[in-house]
Amino acid sequence: MSRNGFTLLEVMAAVALLAVSVSALGLSLHTGWESTRRAMLKSKGEALLSLALCEINDPLVGWQGEFADLAAGGWEYTVEPYLEAQELYLGKLKVWWQEGGKRQSESCAFLTCPEGLYPP
């Protein structure tokens, strides 16, 4: 006697396999979306760091400012002694802005000297 069709056990196994596959696909899409969002924020932060760095006139004096039209945020530059005998100082630059209703920030630190960034 020949039977056509699938047994209940075979259908349940196929549905379970399909559910696992769809869940894995959804998780990978979510992970990709989050990575893209973080990369966009990092890229914007680095662009704002470059913009703020252009505003610093004296590398040995702390400065602060705001971004006028580009982003709702600002920046702060501080200088600390590093190797004063060699006239090297540690410059720290921090920028912040509003994105998606949250305050985002990015910062960097670098060596500086009276002539500008080190090495000149």
C-alpha atoms as a PDB file:
ATOM      1  CA  MET A   1       0.000   0.000   0.000  1.00  0.00           C
ATOM      2  CA  SER A   2       1.471   3.317  -1.123  1.00  0.00           C
ATOM      3  CA  ARG A   3       1.083   6.515   0.902  1.00  0.00           C
ATOM      4  CA  ASN A   4       1.160   9.965  -0.641  1.00  0.00           C
ATOM      5  CA  GLY A   5       2.061  13.082   1.353  1.00  0.00           C
ATOM      6  CA  PHE A   6       4.110  13.776   4.453  1.00  0.00           C
ATOM      7  CA  THR A   7       3.720  12.564   7.993  1.00  0.00           C
ATOM      8  CA  LEU A   8       3.052  15.011  10.822  1.00  0.00           C
ATOM      9  CA  LEU A   9       6.580  14.476  12.132  1.00  0.00           C
ATOM     10  CA  GLU A  10       8.132  15.437   8.796  1.00  0.00           C
ATOM     11  CA  VAL A  11       6.001  18.597   8.573  1.00  0.00           C
ATOM     12  CA  MET A  12       6.915  19.608  12.141  1.00  0.00           C
ATOM     13  CA  ALA A  13      10.619  19.099  11.422  1.00  0.00           C
ATOM     14  CA  ALA A  14      10.375  21.209   8.237  1.00  0.00           C
ATOM     15  CA  VAL A  15       8.561  24.017  10.068  1.00  0.00           C
ATOM     16  CA  ALA A  16      11.130  23.990  12.886  1.00  0.00           C
ATOM     17  CA  LEU A  17      13.983  24.176  10.364  1.00  0.00           C
ATOM     18  CA  LEU A  18      12.256  27.049   8.569  1.00  0.00           C
ATOM     19  CA  ALA A  19      11.744  28.923  11.856  1.00  0.00           C
ATOM     20  CA  VAL A  20      15.424  28.591  12.786  1.00  0.00           C
ATOM     21  CA  SER A  21      16.486  29.772   9.325  1.00  0.00           C
ATOM     22  CA  VAL A  22      14.202  32.834   9.372  1.00  0.00           C
ATOM     23  CA  SER A  23      15.366  33.744  12.901  1.00  0.00           C
ATOM     24  CA  ALA A  24      19.030  33.536  11.857  1.00  0.00           C
ATOM     25  CA  LEU A  25      18.342  35.700   8.812  1.00  0.00           C
ATOM     26  CA  GLY A  26      16.542  38.306  10.932  1.00  0.00           C
ATOM     27  CA  LEU A  27      19.395  38.390  13.442  1.00  0.00           C
ATOM     28  CA  SER A  28      21.991  38.875  10.719  1.00  0.00           C
ATOM     29  CA  LEU A  29      19.957  41.728   9.177  1.00  0.00           C
ATOM     30  CA  HIS A  30      19.631  43.421  12.574  1.00  0.00           C
ATOM     31  CA  THR A  31      23.361  43.055  13.250  1.00  0.00           C
ATOM     32  CA  GLY A  32      24.191  44.522   9.848  1.00  0.00           C
ATOM     33  CA  TRP A  33      21.856  47.465  10.427  1.00  0.00           C
ATOM     34  CA  GLU A  34      23.382  48.221  13.839  1.00  0.00           C
ATOM     35  CA  SER A  35      26.918  48.026  12.433  1.00  0.00           C
ATOM     36  CA  THR A  36      25.977  50.448   9.667  1.00  0.00           C
ATOM     37  CA  ARG A  37      24.399  52.866  12.147  1.00  0.00           C
ATOM     38  CA  ARG A  38      27.478  52.789  14.411  1.00  0.00           C
ATOM     39  CA  ALA A  39      29.774  53.344  11.407  1.00  0.00           C
ATOM     40  CA  MET A  40      27.719  56.357  10.319  1.00  0.00           C
ATOM     41  CA  LEU A  41      27.932  57.880  13.811  1.00  0.00           C
ATOM     42  CA  LYS A  42      31.686  57.241  13.965  1.00  0.00           C
ATOM     43  CA  SER A  43      32.144  58.813  10.535  1.00  0.00           C
ATOM     44  CA  LYS A  44      30.162  61.903  11.525  1.00  0.00           C
ATOM     45  CA  GLY A  45      32.171  62.190  14.745  1.00  0.00           C
ATOM     46  CA  GLU A  46      35.465  62.014  12.866  1.00  0.00           C
ATOM     47  CA  ALA A  47      34.284  64.673  10.414  1.00  0.00           C
ATOM     48  CA  LEU A  48      33.306  66.946  13.313  1.00  0.00           C
ATOM     49  CA  LEU A  49      36.708  66.310  14.959  1.00  0.00           C
ATOM     50  CA  SER A  50      38.422  67.455  11.753  1.00  0.00           C
ATOM     51  CA  LEU A  51      36.215  70.539  11.587  1.00  0.00           C
ATOM     52  CA  ALA A  52      36.924  71.437  15.229  1.00  0.00           C
ATOM     53  CA  LEU A  53      40.658  70.862  14.751  1.00  0.00           C
ATOM     54  CA  CYS A  54      40.653  73.496  12.001  1.00  0.00           C
ATOM     55  CA  GLU A  55      39.259  76.030  14.484  1.00  0.00           C
ATOM     56  CA  ILE A  56      42.203  75.718  16.907  1.00  0.00           C
ATOM     57  CA  ASN A  57      44.538  78.666  16.394  1.00  0.00           C
ATOM     58  CA  ASP A  58      47.051  78.108  19.199  1.00  0.00           C
ATOM     59  CA  PRO A  59      47.803  74.436  19.942  1.00  0.00           C
ATOM     60  CA  LEU A  60      48.951  75.229  23.499  1.00  0.00           C
ATOM     61  CA  VAL A  61      45.794  77.040  24.621  1.00  0.00           C
ATOM     62  CA  GLY A  62      42.523  75.337  25.462  1.00  0.00           C
ATOM     63  CA  TRP A  63      39.571  76.249  23.246  1.00  0.00           C
ATOM     64  CA  GLN A  64      35.911  75.477  22.981  1.00  0.00           C
ATOM     65  CA  GLY A  65      33.209  76.258  20.500  1.00  0.00           C
ATOM     66  CA  GLU A  66      29.924  75.299  18.926  1.00  0.00           C
ATOM     67  CA  PHE A  67      28.977  74.035  15.502  1.00  0.00           C
ATOM     68  CA  ALA A  68      26.820  76.736  13.966  1.00  0.00           C
ATOM     69  CA  ASP A  69      24.728  75.160  11.221  1.00  0.00           C
ATOM     70  CA  LEU A  70      26.252  71.724  10.745  1.00  0.00           C
ATOM     71  CA  ALA A  71      25.220  69.982  13.957  1.00  0.00           C
ATOM     72  CA  ALA A  72      23.541  70.843  17.233  1.00  0.00           C
ATOM     73  CA  GLY A  73      26.631  70.412  19.373  1.00  0.00           C
ATOM     74  CA  GLY A  74      30.040  71.717  20.195  1.00  0.00           C
ATOM     75  CA  TRP A  75      33.654  70.915  20.918  1.00  0.00           C
ATOM     76  CA  GLU A  76      36.262  71.335  23.625  1.00  0.00           C
ATOM     77  CA  TYR A  77      40.047  71.275  23.310  1.00  0.00           C
ATOM     78  CA  THR A  78      42.289  70.894  26.365  1.00  0.00           C
ATOM     79  CA  VAL A  79      46.071  70.771  26.687  1.00  0.00           C
ATOM     80  CA  GLU A  80      48.095  68.969  29.359  1.00  0.00           C
ATOM     81  CA  PRO A  81      51.865  68.902  29.904  1.00  0.00           C
ATOM     82  CA  TYR A  82      53.471  65.748  28.507  1.00  0.00           C
ATOM     83  CA  LEU A  83      57.223  66.300  28.137  1.00  0.00           C
ATOM     84  CA  GLU A  84      57.703  69.964  28.945  1.00  0.00           C
ATOM     85  CA  ALA A  85      61.498  69.795  28.631  1.00  0.00           C
ATOM     86  CA  GLN A  86      61.029  68.878  24.964  1.00  0.00           C
ATOM     87  CA  GLU A  87      58.020  71.224  24.572  1.00  0.00           C
ATOM     88  CA  LEU A  88      55.587  68.365  23.943  1.00  0.00           C
ATOM     89  CA  TYR A  89      52.037  68.587  25.192  1.00  0.00           C
ATOM     90  CA  LEU A  90      49.048  66.251  25.087  1.00  0.00           C
ATOM     91  CA  GLY A  91      46.107  67.767  23.268  1.00  0.00           C
ATOM     92  CA  LYS A  92      42.634  66.295  23.829  1.00  0.00           C
ATOM     93  CA  LEU A  93      39.758  67.165  21.561  1.00  0.00           C
ATOM     94  CA  LYS A  94      36.174  66.144  22.255  1.00  0.00           C
ATOM     95  CA  VAL A  95      33.137  66.822  20.077  1.00  0.00           C
ATOM     96  CA  TRP A  96      29.469  66.212  20.820  1.00  0.00           C
ATOM     97  CA  TRP A  97      26.254  66.486  18.850  1.00  0.00           C
ATOM     98  CA  GLN A  98      22.605  65.455  18.935  1.00  0.00           C
ATOM     99  CA  GLU A  99      21.585  62.492  16.793  1.00  0.00           C
ATOM    100  CA  GLY A 100      18.269  60.696  17.069  1.00  0.00           C
ATOM    101  CA  GLY A 101      17.364  62.479  20.295  1.00  0.00           C
ATOM    102  CA  LYS A 102      20.567  61.297  22.013  1.00  0.00           C
ATOM    103  CA  ARG A 103      23.820  63.068  22.712  1.00  0.00           C
ATOM    104  CA  GLN A 104      26.655  61.464  20.761  1.00  0.00           C
ATOM    105  CA  SER A 105      30.355  62.158  21.271  1.00  0.00           C
ATOM    106  CA  GLU A 106      33.743  61.369  19.834  1.00  0.00           C
ATOM    107  CA  SER A 107      37.205  62.249  21.131  1.00  0.00           C
ATOM    108  CA  CYS A 108      40.858  61.998  20.218  1.00  0.00           C
ATOM    109  CA  ALA A 109      44.204  62.716  21.843  1.00  0.00           C
ATOM    110  CA  PHE A 110      47.440  63.698  20.141  1.00  0.00           C
ATOM    111  CA  LEU A 111      50.839  65.213  20.825  1.00  0.00           C
ATOM    112  CA  THR A 112      51.298  68.873  20.068  1.00  0.00           C
ATOM    113  CA  CYS A 113      54.087  71.440  20.283  1.00  0.00           C
ATOM    114  CA  PRO A 114      54.288  75.236  19.889  1.00  0.00           C
ATOM    115  CA  GLU A 115      54.598  74.874  16.098  1.00  0.00           C
ATOM    116  CA  GLY A 116      51.466  72.704  15.806  1.00  0.00           C
ATOM    117  CA  LEU A 117      50.740  68.998  15.767  1.00  0.00           C
ATOM    118  CA  TYR A 118      53.652  66.718  16.501  1.00  0.00           C
ATOM    119  CA  PRO A 119      55.488  65.638  14.449  1.00  0.00           C
ATOM    120  CA  PRO A 120      55.355  68.837  12.396  1.00  0.00           C
END
